[in-house]
PDB file of N, CA and C in Angstrom:
ATOM      1  N   MET A   1       6.894  71.483 242.325  1.00  0.00           N
ATOM      2  CA  MET A   1       7.975  71.116 243.471  1.00  0.00           C
ATOM      3  C   MET A   1       6.786  69.682 243.999  1.00  0.00           C
ATOM      4  N   PRO A   2       7.651  68.569 244.058  1.00  0.00           N
ATOM      5  CA  PRO A   2       6.616  67.570 244.312  1.00  0.00           C
ATOM      6  C   PRO A   2       6.162  67.599 245.693  1.00  0.00           C
ATOM      7  N   THR A   3       5.097  66.763 245.612  1.00  0.00           N
ATOM      8  CA  THR A   3       4.414  66.402 246.935  1.00  0.00           C
ATOM      9  C   THR A   3       5.324  65.968 247.551  1.00  0.00           C
ATOM     10  N   PRO A   4       5.136  65.532 249.432  1.00  0.00           N
ATOM     11  CA  PRO A   4       5.765  64.799 249.629  1.00  0.00           C
ATOM     12  C   PRO A   4       5.460  62.746 249.391  1.00  0.00           C
ATOM     13  N   ALA A   5       4.696  62.719 248.877  1.00  0.00           N
ATOM     14  CA  ALA A   5       4.567  61.265 248.319  1.00  0.00           C
ATOM     15  C   ALA A   5       5.149  60.838 247.352  1.00  0.00           C
ATOM     16  N   GLU A   6       5.216  62.161 246.273  1.00  0.00           N
ATOM     17  CA  GLU A   6       5.843  61.888 245.285  1.00  0.00           C
ATOM     18  C   GLU A   6       7.509  62.108 245.527  1.00  0.00           C
ATOM     19  N   VAL A   7       8.099  62.108 246.476  1.00  0.00           N
ATOM     20  CA  VAL A   7       9.683  61.820 246.198  1.00  0.00           C
ATOM     21  C   VAL A   7      10.367  60.817 246.235  1.00  0.00           C
ATOM     22  N   ASN A   8       9.809  59.519 246.947  1.00  0.00           N
ATOM     23  CA  ASN A   8      10.293  58.483 246.844  1.00  0.00           C
ATOM     24  C   ASN A   8       9.140  58.002 246.474  1.00  0.00           C
ATOM     25  N   LEU A   9       8.859  57.418 244.998  1.00  0.00           N
ATOM     26  CA  LEU A   9       7.767  57.112 244.355  1.00  0.00           C
ATOM     27  C   LEU A   9       7.879  55.178 244.307  1.00  0.00           C
ATOM     28  N   ALA A  10       9.549  54.530 244.373  1.00  0.00           N
ATOM     29  CA  ALA A  10       9.895  53.644 244.611  1.00  0.00           C
ATOM     30  C   ALA A  10       9.574  52.709 246.138  1.00  0.00           C
ATOM     31  N   HIS A  11       9.361  53.935 246.793  1.00  0.00           N
ATOM     32  CA  HIS A  11       9.002  53.086 247.948  1.00  0.00           C
ATOM     33  C   HIS A  11      10.133  52.644 249.096  1.00  0.00           C
ATOM     34  N   LYS A  12      11.112  52.716 248.852  1.00  0.00           N
ATOM     35  CA  LYS A  12      12.804  52.267 249.405  1.00  0.00           C
ATOM     36  C   LYS A  12      13.021  53.486 250.263  1.00  0.00           C
ATOM     37  N   PRO A  13      13.556  52.557 251.393  1.00  0.00           N
ATOM     38  CA  PRO A  13      14.059  53.795 252.142  1.00  0.00           C
ATOM     39  C   PRO A  13      15.114  54.242 251.490  1.00  0.00           C
ATOM     40  N   LEU A  14      15.697  55.494 252.384  1.00  0.00           N
ATOM     41  CA  LEU A  14      16.378  56.053 251.488  1.00  0.00           C
ATOM     42  C   LEU A  14      17.835  55.784 252.794  1.00  0.00           C
ATOM     43  N   ASP A  15      19.009  55.607 252.378  1.00  0.00           N
ATOM     44  CA  ASP A  15      20.176  55.607 253.228  1.00  0.00           C
ATOM     45  C   ASP A  15      20.834  56.897 254.641  1.00  0.00           C
ATOM     46  N   ALA A  16      20.516  56.602 255.792  1.00  0.00           N
ATOM     47  CA  ALA A  16      20.683  58.020 256.295  1.00  0.00           C
ATOM     48  C   ALA A  16      22.060  58.181 256.371  1.00  0.00           C
ATOM     49  N   LEU A  17      22.947  57.851 255.660  1.00  0.00           N
ATOM     50  CA  LEU A  17      24.252  57.933 255.719  1.00  0.00           C
ATOM     51  C   LEU A  17      24.372  58.389 254.051  1.00  0.00           C
ATOM     52  N   ASP A  18      23.757  58.434 253.121  1.00  0.00           N
ATOM     53  CA  ASP A  18      24.152  58.989 251.814  1.00  0.00           C
ATOM     54  C   ASP A  18      23.507  60.533 251.879  1.00  0.00           C
ATOM     55  N   PRO A  19      24.721  60.946 251.131  1.00  0.00           N
ATOM     56  CA  PRO A  19      24.585  62.327 251.226  1.00  0.00           C
ATOM     57  C   PRO A  19      23.308  63.346 250.416  1.00  0.00           C
ATOM     58  N   ASP A  20      22.929  62.899 249.653  1.00  0.00           N
ATOM     59  CA  ASP A  20      21.576  62.930 248.740  1.00  0.00           C
ATOM     60  C   ASP A  20      20.628  62.689 249.278  1.00  0.00           C
ATOM     61  N   THR A  21      20.716  62.169 250.567  1.00  0.00           N
ATOM     62  CA  THR A  21      19.132  61.677 251.632  1.00  0.00           C
ATOM     63  C   THR A  21      18.924  63.108 252.260  1.00  0.00           C
ATOM     64  N   ARG A  22      19.617  64.130 252.768  1.00  0.00           N
ATOM     65  CA  ARG A  22      19.171  65.353 253.327  1.00  0.00           C
ATOM     66  C   ARG A  22      18.711  66.087 252.711  1.00  0.00           C
ATOM     67  N   ALA A  23      19.077  66.345 251.369  1.00  0.00           N
ATOM     68  CA  ALA A  23      18.656  66.890 250.601  1.00  0.00           C
ATOM     69  C   ALA A  23      17.075  66.627 249.647  1.00  0.00           C
ATOM     70  N   VAL A  24      16.533  65.269 249.575  1.00  0.00           N
ATOM     71  CA  VAL A  24      15.562  64.923 249.457  1.00  0.00           C
ATOM     72  C   VAL A  24      14.635  64.851 250.434  1.00  0.00           C
ATOM     73  N   LEU A  25      15.167  64.703 251.845  1.00  0.00           N
ATOM     74  CA  LEU A  25      14.475  64.678 252.698  1.00  0.00           C
ATOM     75  C   LEU A  25      13.766  66.808 253.108  1.00  0.00           C
ATOM     76  N   ARG A  26      15.101  67.139 253.100  1.00  0.00           N
ATOM     77  CA  ARG A  26      14.241  69.074 252.928  1.00  0.00           C
ATOM     78  C   ARG A  26      13.672  69.144 252.107  1.00  0.00           C
ATOM     79  N   SER A  27      13.719  68.494 250.808  1.00  0.00           N
ATOM     80  CA  SER A  27      12.825  68.992 249.535  1.00  0.00           C
ATOM     81  C   SER A  27      11.407  68.361 249.812  1.00  0.00           C
ATOM     82  N   ALA A  28      11.189  67.505 250.768  1.00  0.00           N
ATOM     83  CA  ALA A  28       9.793  66.705 251.077  1.00  0.00           C
ATOM     84  C   ALA A  28       9.604  67.625 251.849  1.00  0.00           C
ATOM     85  N   HIS A  29      10.176  68.166 253.188  1.00  0.00           N
ATOM     86  CA  HIS A  29       9.379  68.926 254.173  1.00  0.00           C
ATOM     87  C   HIS A  29       8.965  70.303 253.627  1.00  0.00           C
ATOM     88  N   LYS A  30       9.930  70.552 252.912  1.00  0.00           N
ATOM     89  CA  LYS A  30       9.716  72.442 252.441  1.00  0.00           C
ATOM     90  C   LYS A  30       7.998  71.863 251.209  1.00  0.00           C
ATOM     91  N   ALA A  31       7.913  70.914 250.737  1.00  0.00           N
ATOM     92  CA  ALA A  31       6.685  70.648 249.963  1.00  0.00           C
ATOM     93  C   ALA A  31       5.653  70.459 250.601  1.00  0.00           C
ATOM     94  N   CYS A  32       5.724  70.129 251.913  1.00  0.00           N
ATOM     95  CA  CYS A  32       4.851  70.201 252.892  1.00  0.00           C
ATOM     96  C   CYS A  32       4.242  71.511 253.646  1.00  0.00           C
ATOM     97  N   ILE A  33       5.490  72.214 253.637  1.00  0.00           N
ATOM     98  CA  ILE A  33       5.089  73.797 254.431  1.00  0.00           C
ATOM     99  C   ILE A  33       4.587  74.364 253.238  1.00  0.00           C
ATOM    100  N   ALA A  34       5.181  74.245 251.778  1.00  0.00           N
ATOM    101  CA  ALA A  34       4.105  74.528 250.804  1.00  0.00           C
ATOM    102  C   ALA A  34       3.236  74.836 250.555  1.00  0.00           C
ATOM    103  N   GLN A  35       2.255  73.241 250.979  1.00  0.00           N
ATOM    104  CA  GLN A  35       1.100  73.242 251.092  1.00  0.00           C
ATOM    105  C   GLN A  35       0.165  73.660 252.215  1.00  0.00           C
ATOM    106  N   ARG A  36       0.813  74.266 252.822  1.00  0.00           N
ATOM    107  CA  ARG A  36       0.489  74.647 254.366  1.00  0.00           C
ATOM    108  C   ARG A  36       0.085  73.568 254.984  1.00  0.00           C
ATOM    109  N   HIS A  37       0.875  72.799 255.091  1.00  0.00           N
ATOM    110  CA  HIS A  37       0.737  70.902 255.420  1.00  0.00           C
ATOM    111  C   HIS A  37       1.716  71.042 257.078  1.00  0.00           C
ATOM    112  N   LEU A  38       1.365  70.270 257.767  1.00  0.00           N
ATOM    113  CA  LEU A  38       2.625  70.124 259.076  1.00  0.00           C
ATOM    114  C   LEU A  38       3.144  68.627 259.263  1.00  0.00           C
ATOM    115  N   PRO A  39       4.585  69.238 258.074  1.00  0.00           N
ATOM    116  CA  PRO A  39       5.532  67.951 258.368  1.00  0.00           C
ATOM    117  C   PRO A  39       5.847  67.275 259.601  1.00  0.00           C
ATOM    118  N   ILE A  40       5.670  65.669 260.374  1.00  0.00           N
ATOM    119  CA  ILE A  40       6.099  65.161 261.277  1.00  0.00           C
ATOM    120  C   ILE A  40       6.710  64.026 261.022  1.00  0.00           C
ATOM    121  N   TRP A  41       8.070  64.075 261.274  1.00  0.00           N
ATOM    122  CA  TRP A  41       8.712  62.925 261.496  1.00  0.00           C
ATOM    123  C   TRP A  41       8.914  61.984 262.179  1.00  0.00           C
ATOM    124  N   CYS A  42       8.520  60.609 262.402  1.00  0.00           N
ATOM    125  CA  CYS A  42       8.298  59.615 263.238  1.00  0.00           C
ATOM    126  C   CYS A  42       9.264  58.892 263.248  1.00  0.00           C
ATOM    127  N   VAL A  43      10.375  58.594 264.311  1.00  0.00           N
ATOM    128  CA  VAL A  43      10.900  57.480 264.219  1.00  0.00           C
ATOM    129  C   VAL A  43      10.934  56.571 265.408  1.00  0.00           C
ATOM    130  N   THR A  44      11.375  55.483 264.364  1.00  0.00           N
ATOM    131  CA  THR A  44      10.766  54.006 264.932  1.00  0.00           C
ATOM    132  C   THR A  44      11.696  53.215 264.906  1.00  0.00           C
ATOM    133  N   PHE A  45      11.917  52.416 265.942  1.00  0.00           N
ATOM    134  CA  PHE A  45      13.242  50.821 265.677  1.00  0.00           C
ATOM    135  C   PHE A  45      12.506  49.690 265.477  1.00  0.00           C
ATOM    136  N   ASN A  46      13.212  48.919 264.736  1.00  0.00           N
ATOM    137  CA  ASN A  46      12.875  47.878 264.190  1.00  0.00           C
ATOM    138  C   ASN A  46      11.373  47.328 263.860  1.00  0.00           C
ATOM    139  N   PRO A  47      10.969  48.393 263.000  1.00  0.00           N
ATOM    140  CA  PRO A  47       9.528  47.784 262.657  1.00  0.00           C
ATOM    141  C   PRO A  47       9.447  46.940 261.616  1.00  0.00           C
ATOM    142  N   SER A  48       8.225  46.380 261.569  1.00  0.00           N
ATOM    143  CA  SER A  48       7.935  45.294 260.769  1.00  0.00           C
ATOM    144  C   SER A  48       8.745  44.880 258.997  1.00  0.00           C
ATOM    145  N   ASP A  49       8.752  46.197 258.709  1.00  0.00           N
ATOM    146  CA  ASP A  49       8.629  46.374 256.957  1.00  0.00           C
ATOM    147  C   ASP A  49      10.972  46.591 256.974  1.00  0.00           C
ATOM    148  N   LEU A  50      11.088  46.989 257.961  1.00  0.00           N
ATOM    149  CA  LEU A  50      12.818  47.303 258.149  1.00  0.00           C
ATOM    150  C   LEU A  50      13.460  46.957 259.297  1.00  0.00           C
ATOM    151  N   PRO A  51      13.485  45.516 259.551  1.00  0.00           N
ATOM    152  CA  PRO A  51      13.531  45.255 261.054  1.00  0.00           C
ATOM    153  C   PRO A  51      15.588  45.648 261.337  1.00  0.00           C
ATOM    154  N   GLY A  52      15.554  45.756 262.647  1.00  0.00           N
ATOM    155  CA  GLY A  52      17.083  46.049 262.991  1.00  0.00           C
ATOM    156  C   GLY A  52      17.479  47.175 262.367  1.00  0.00           C
ATOM    157  N   LEU A  53      16.442  47.947 261.841  1.00  0.00           N
ATOM    158  CA  LEU A  53      17.037  49.851 261.715  1.00  0.00           C
ATOM    159  C   LEU A  53      16.079  50.613 262.308  1.00  0.00           C
ATOM    160  N   TYR A  54      16.935  51.894 262.477  1.00  0.00           N
ATOM    161  CA  TYR A  54      16.140  53.063 263.034  1.00  0.00           C
ATOM    162  C   TYR A  54      15.055  53.531 261.875  1.00  0.00           C
ATOM    163  N   VAL A  55      14.365  53.914 261.598  1.00  0.00           N
ATOM    164  CA  VAL A  55      13.824  54.632 260.587  1.00  0.00           C
ATOM    165  C   VAL A  55      13.082  55.859 260.845  1.00  0.00           C
ATOM    166  N   ALA A  56      13.130  57.059 260.168  1.00  0.00           N
ATOM    167  CA  ALA A  56      11.888  58.198 260.425  1.00  0.00           C
ATOM    168  C   ALA A  56      11.366  58.137 259.137  1.00  0.00           C
ATOM    169  N   ARG A  57      10.279  57.895 259.395  1.00  0.00           N
ATOM    170  CA  ARG A  57       9.263  58.273 258.086  1.00  0.00           C
ATOM    171  C   ARG A  57       8.536  59.529 258.051  1.00  0.00           C
ATOM    172  N   LEU A  58       8.258  60.043 257.056  1.00  0.00           N
ATOM    173  CA  LEU A  58       7.403  61.496 256.676  1.00  0.00           C
ATOM    174  C   LEU A  58       6.002  61.095 257.661  1.00  0.00           C
ATOM    175  N   ASN A  59       5.257  61.886 258.298  1.00  0.00           N
ATOM    176  CA  ASN A  59       3.884  62.174 258.649  1.00  0.00           C
ATOM    177  C   ASN A  59       3.261  63.456 258.027  1.00  0.00           C
ATOM    178  N   VAL A  60       2.334  63.312 257.281  1.00  0.00           N
ATOM    179  CA  VAL A  60       2.035  64.725 257.174  1.00  0.00           C
ATOM    180  C   VAL A  60       0.680  64.930 257.389  1.00  0.00           C
ATOM    181  N   SER A  61       0.046  66.180 258.369  1.00  0.00           N
ATOM    182  CA  SER A  61      -0.809  66.561 258.752  1.00  0.00           C
ATOM    183  C   SER A  61      -1.565  67.506 257.667  1.00  0.00           C
ATOM    184  N   ALA A  62      -2.489  67.354 257.052  1.00  0.00           N
ATOM    185  CA  ALA A  62      -3.003  68.203 256.186  1.00  0.00           C
ATOM    186  C   ALA A  62      -3.862  68.849 256.732  1.00  0.00           C
ATOM    187  N   ASN A  63      -4.131  70.516 255.960  1.00  0.00           N
ATOM    188  CA  ASN A  63      -4.901  71.595 257.009  1.00  0.00           C
ATOM    189  C   ASN A  63      -6.252  71.205 256.749  1.00  0.00           C
ATOM    190  N   SER A  64      -6.813  69.928 256.093  1.00  0.00           N
ATOM    191  CA  SER A  64      -8.198  69.671 256.412  1.00  0.00           C
ATOM    192  C   SER A  64      -8.301  68.764 257.400  1.00  0.00           C
ATOM    193  N   GLY A  65      -7.105  68.212 258.167  1.00  0.00           N
ATOM    194  CA  GLY A  65      -6.996  67.619 259.395  1.00  0.00           C
ATOM    195  C   GLY A  65      -7.202  66.464 259.435  1.00  0.00           C
ATOM    196  N   ALA A  66      -6.801  66.138 258.260  1.00  0.00           N
ATOM    197  CA  ALA A  66      -6.283  64.727 257.919  1.00  0.00           C
ATOM    198  C   ALA A  66      -4.798  64.195 257.614  1.00  0.00           C
ATOM    199  N   THR A  67      -4.376  63.175 258.245  1.00  0.00           N
ATOM    200  CA  THR A  67      -2.739  62.691 258.496  1.00  0.00           C
ATOM    201  C   THR A  67      -2.987  61.414 257.561  1.00  0.00           C
ATOM    202  N   TYR A  68      -1.872  61.459 256.819  1.00  0.00           N
ATOM    203  CA  TYR A  68      -1.111  60.489 256.098  1.00  0.00           C
ATOM    204  C   TYR A  68       0.703  60.319 256.111  1.00  0.00           C
ATOM    205  N   VAL A  69       0.829  59.087 255.894  1.00  0.00           N
ATOM    206  CA  VAL A  69       1.936  58.842 255.966  1.00  0.00           C
ATOM    207  C   VAL A  69       2.196  58.612 255.128  1.00  0.00           C
ATOM    208  N   ALA A  70       3.595  59.564 254.286  1.00  0.00           N
ATOM    209  CA  ALA A  70       4.051  59.783 252.944  1.00  0.00           C
ATOM    210  C   ALA A  70       5.336  58.504 252.699  1.00  0.00           C
ATOM    211  N   SER A  71       4.783  57.901 251.323  1.00  0.00           N
ATOM    212  CA  SER A  71       6.002  57.073 251.172  1.00  0.00           C
ATOM    213  C   SER A  71       7.242  57.038 251.514  1.00  0.00           C
ATOM    214  N   LEU A  72       7.807  58.418 252.006  1.00  0.00           N
ATOM    215  CA  LEU A  72       9.483  58.370 252.060  1.00  0.00           C
ATOM    216  C   LEU A  72       9.720  58.342 253.508  1.00  0.00           C
ATOM    217  N   CYS A  73      10.732  57.624 253.978  1.00  0.00           N
ATOM    218  CA  CYS A  73      11.245  57.187 254.806  1.00  0.00           C
ATOM    219  C   CYS A  73      13.054  57.280 254.759  1.00  0.00           C
ATOM    220  N   VAL A  74      13.754  57.436 255.966  1.00  0.00           N
ATOM    221  CA  VAL A  74      14.925  57.202 255.707  1.00  0.00           C
ATOM    222  C   VAL A  74      15.162  56.237 256.742  1.00  0.00           C
ATOM    223  N   ALA A  75      16.573  55.630 256.736  1.00  0.00           N
ATOM    224  CA  ALA A  75      16.411  54.650 257.738  1.00  0.00           C
ATOM    225  C   ALA A  75      18.233  53.899 258.002  1.00  0.00           C
ATOM    226  N   GLY A  76      18.202  53.836 258.846  1.00  0.00           N
ATOM    227  CA  GLY A  76      20.260  53.962 259.373  1.00  0.00           C
ATOM    228  C   GLY A  76      20.399  52.582 260.645  1.00  0.00           C
ATOM    229  N   THR A  77      21.563  52.310 260.902  1.00  0.00           N
ATOM    230  CA  THR A  77      21.685  51.126 261.545  1.00  0.00           C
ATOM    231  C   THR A  77      21.732  51.823 263.133  1.00  0.00           C
ATOM    232  N   THR A  78      21.921  53.082 263.038  1.00  0.00           N
ATOM    233  CA  THR A  78      21.921  54.214 264.450  1.00  0.00           C
ATOM    234  C   THR A  78      20.953  54.902 264.737  1.00  0.00           C
ATOM    235  N   LEU A  79      20.914  55.710 265.873  1.00  0.00           N
ATOM    236  CA  LEU A  79      19.595  56.777 265.887  1.00  0.00           C
ATOM    237  C   LEU A  79      20.427  58.356 265.395  1.00  0.00           C
ATOM    238  N   ASP A  80      21.382  58.453 265.784  1.00  0.00           N
ATOM    239  CA  ASP A  80      22.123  59.505 265.701  1.00  0.00           C
ATOM    240  C   ASP A  80      21.991  59.273 263.906  1.00  0.00           C
ATOM    241  N   ALA A  81      22.410  58.651 263.368  1.00  0.00           N
ATOM    242  CA  ALA A  81      22.503  58.892 261.387  1.00  0.00           C
ATOM    243  C   ALA A  81      21.525  59.138 261.288  1.00  0.00           C
ATOM    244  N   VAL A  82      20.435  58.423 261.493  1.00  0.00           N
ATOM    245  CA  VAL A  82      18.689  59.162 261.279  1.00  0.00           C
ATOM    246  C   VAL A  82      18.701  60.539 261.772  1.00  0.00           C
ATOM    247  N   ARG A  83      18.878  60.497 262.936  1.00  0.00           N
ATOM    248  CA  ARG A  83      18.496  62.308 263.432  1.00  0.00           C
ATOM    249  C   ARG A  83      19.461  62.988 262.436  1.00  0.00           C
ATOM    250  N   GLN A  84      20.771  62.951 262.260  1.00  0.00           N
ATOM    251  CA  GLN A  84      21.453  63.339 261.609  1.00  0.00           C
ATOM    252  C   GLN A  84      20.884  63.817 259.883  1.00  0.00           C
ATOM    253  N   ALA A  85      20.192  62.918 259.341  1.00  0.00           N
ATOM    254  CA  ALA A  85      19.547  63.237 258.016  1.00  0.00           C
ATOM    255  C   ALA A  85      18.182  63.962 258.052  1.00  0.00           C
ATOM    256  N   LEU A  86      17.486  63.804 259.153  1.00  0.00           N
ATOM    257  CA  LEU A  86      16.583  65.042 259.054  1.00  0.00           C
ATOM    258  C   LEU A  86      16.576  66.032 258.961  1.00  0.00           C
ATOM    259  N   PRO A  87      15.659  67.017 258.211  1.00  0.00           N
ATOM    260  CA  PRO A  87      16.003  68.685 258.311  1.00  0.00           C
ATOM    261  C   PRO A  87      16.146  69.133 259.231  1.00  0.00           C
ATOM    262  N   ALA A  88      17.151  70.269 259.232  1.00  0.00           N
ATOM    263  CA  ALA A  88      17.527  70.832 260.660  1.00  0.00           C
ATOM    264  C   ALA A  88      16.388  71.771 260.878  1.00  0.00           C
ATOM    265  N   GLY A  89      16.906  72.441 261.960  1.00  0.00           N
ATOM    266  CA  GLY A  89      15.499  73.126 262.788  1.00  0.00           C
ATOM    267  C   GLY A  89      14.303  72.758 263.302  1.00  0.00           C
ATOM    268  N   LEU A  90      14.172  71.326 263.097  1.00  0.00           N
ATOM    269  CA  LEU A  90      13.391  70.464 263.796  1.00  0.00           C
ATOM    270  C   LEU A  90      13.172  70.405 265.611  1.00  0.00           C
ATOM    271  N   VAL A  91      12.189  70.077 266.344  1.00  0.00           N
ATOM    272  CA  VAL A  91      11.972  69.806 267.546  1.00  0.00           C
ATOM    273  C   VAL A  91      11.591  68.519 267.851  1.00  0.00           C
ATOM    274  N   ARG A  92      12.563  68.017 268.410  1.00  0.00           N
ATOM    275  CA  ARG A  92      11.986  66.689 269.311  1.00  0.00           C
ATOM    276  C   ARG A  92      11.221  66.201 270.405  1.00  0.00           C
ATOM    277  N   MET A  93      10.231  65.532 270.050  1.00  0.00           N
ATOM    278  CA  MET A  93       9.423  65.176 271.182  1.00  0.00           C
ATOM    279  C   MET A  93       9.667  63.572 271.570  1.00  0.00           C
ATOM    280  N   PRO A  94       9.783  63.637 272.956  1.00  0.00           N
ATOM    281  CA  PRO A  94      10.224  62.386 273.458  1.00  0.00           C
ATOM    282  C   PRO A  94       8.528  61.669 273.230  1.00  0.00           C
ATOM    283  N   ARG A  95       9.390  60.495 273.010  1.00  0.00           N
ATOM    284  CA  ARG A  95       8.221  59.021 273.062  1.00  0.00           C
ATOM    285  C   ARG A  95       7.730  59.293 274.317  1.00  0.00           C
ATOM    286  N   HIS A  96       5.946  59.488 273.700  1.00  0.00           N
ATOM    287  CA  HIS A  96       4.735  59.297 274.995  1.00  0.00           C
ATOM    288  C   HIS A  96       4.354  57.966 275.241  1.00  0.00           C
ATOM    289  N   THR A  97       4.399  57.426 276.999  1.00  0.00           N
ATOM    290  CA  THR A  97       3.753  56.309 277.364  1.00  0.00           C
ATOM    291  C   THR A  97       2.753  55.383 276.220  1.00  0.00           C
ATOM    292  N   ASP A  98       2.039  56.198 276.088  1.00  0.00           N
ATOM    293  CA  ASP A  98       0.577  55.615 275.421  1.00  0.00           C
ATOM    294  C   ASP A  98       0.844  55.422 273.792  1.00  0.00           C
ATOM    295  N   ASP A  99       2.466  55.410 273.157  1.00  0.00           N
ATOM    296  CA  ASP A  99       3.259  55.358 271.906  1.00  0.00           C
ATOM    297  C   ASP A  99       3.354  53.780 271.431  1.00  0.00           C
ATOM    298  N   ALA A 100       2.861  53.378 270.688  1.00  0.00           N
ATOM    299  CA  ALA A 100       3.371  51.885 269.973  1.00  0.00           C
ATOM    300  C   ALA A 100       4.462  51.996 270.577  1.00  0.00           C
ATOM    301  N   PRO A 101       5.030  50.571 270.915  1.00  0.00           N
ATOM    302  CA  PRO A 101       6.770  50.018 271.495  1.00  0.00           C
ATOM    303  C   PRO A 101       7.827  50.379 270.605  1.00  0.00           C
ATOM    304  N   GLN A 102       7.304  50.480 269.274  1.00  0.00           N
ATOM    305  CA  GLN A 102       8.875  50.629 268.232  1.00  0.00           C
ATOM    306  C   GLN A 102       8.767  52.410 268.052  1.00  0.00           C
ATOM    307  N   ILE A 103       7.862  52.976 268.653  1.00  0.00           N
ATOM    308  CA  ILE A 103       8.496  54.566 268.589  1.00  0.00           C
ATOM    309  C   ILE A 103       9.083  55.080 269.404  1.00  0.00           C
ATOM    310  N   VAL A 104      10.460  55.657 268.668  1.00  0.00           N
ATOM    311  CA  VAL A 104      11.223  56.468 269.634  1.00  0.00           C
ATOM    312  C   VAL A 104      11.057  57.756 270.284  1.00  0.00           C
ATOM    313  N   GLU A 105      10.786  58.235 268.809  1.00  0.00           N
ATOM    314  CA  GLU A 105      10.726  60.141 269.214  1.00  0.00           C
ATOM    315  C   GLU A 105       9.634  60.691 268.051  1.00  0.00           C
ATOM    316  N   THR A 106       9.570  61.550 268.113  1.00  0.00           N
ATOM    317  CA  THR A 106       8.802  62.434 267.062  1.00  0.00           C
ATOM    318  C   THR A 106       9.341  63.869 266.502  1.00  0.00           C
ATOM    319  N   TRP A 107       9.758  64.116 265.647  1.00  0.00           N
ATOM    320  CA  TRP A 107      10.314  65.443 265.344  1.00  0.00           C
ATOM    321  C   TRP A 107       9.039  66.663 264.442  1.00  0.00           C
ATOM    322  N   LEU A 108       8.759  67.659 264.938  1.00  0.00           N
ATOM    323  CA  LEU A 108       8.129  68.334 264.504  1.00  0.00           C
ATOM    324  C   LEU A 108       8.870  70.297 264.167  1.00  0.00           C
TER     325      LEU A 108
END
């Protein structure tokens, strides 16, 4: 099974409306859990590398306490499209007042 960072080696965002995207995201999510890591999906709007888009990036909290951002992300023109591409069963955490302005929400 691939590690989260190996799923999207090209570092290109996946299209939220592409039917294969959900399978890739589920695979990365399951790979994190299999390694006893916590997958965290951070949704942003208008990041500098993908302006004008909603983007969900996979952040991984390792069992060692280290956290890293995997190369995997999903992008779409609407928040709803990005939400629907995320793995099922996640819990939404609203934006915290201390978050960077581009952060919309986080999913655990």
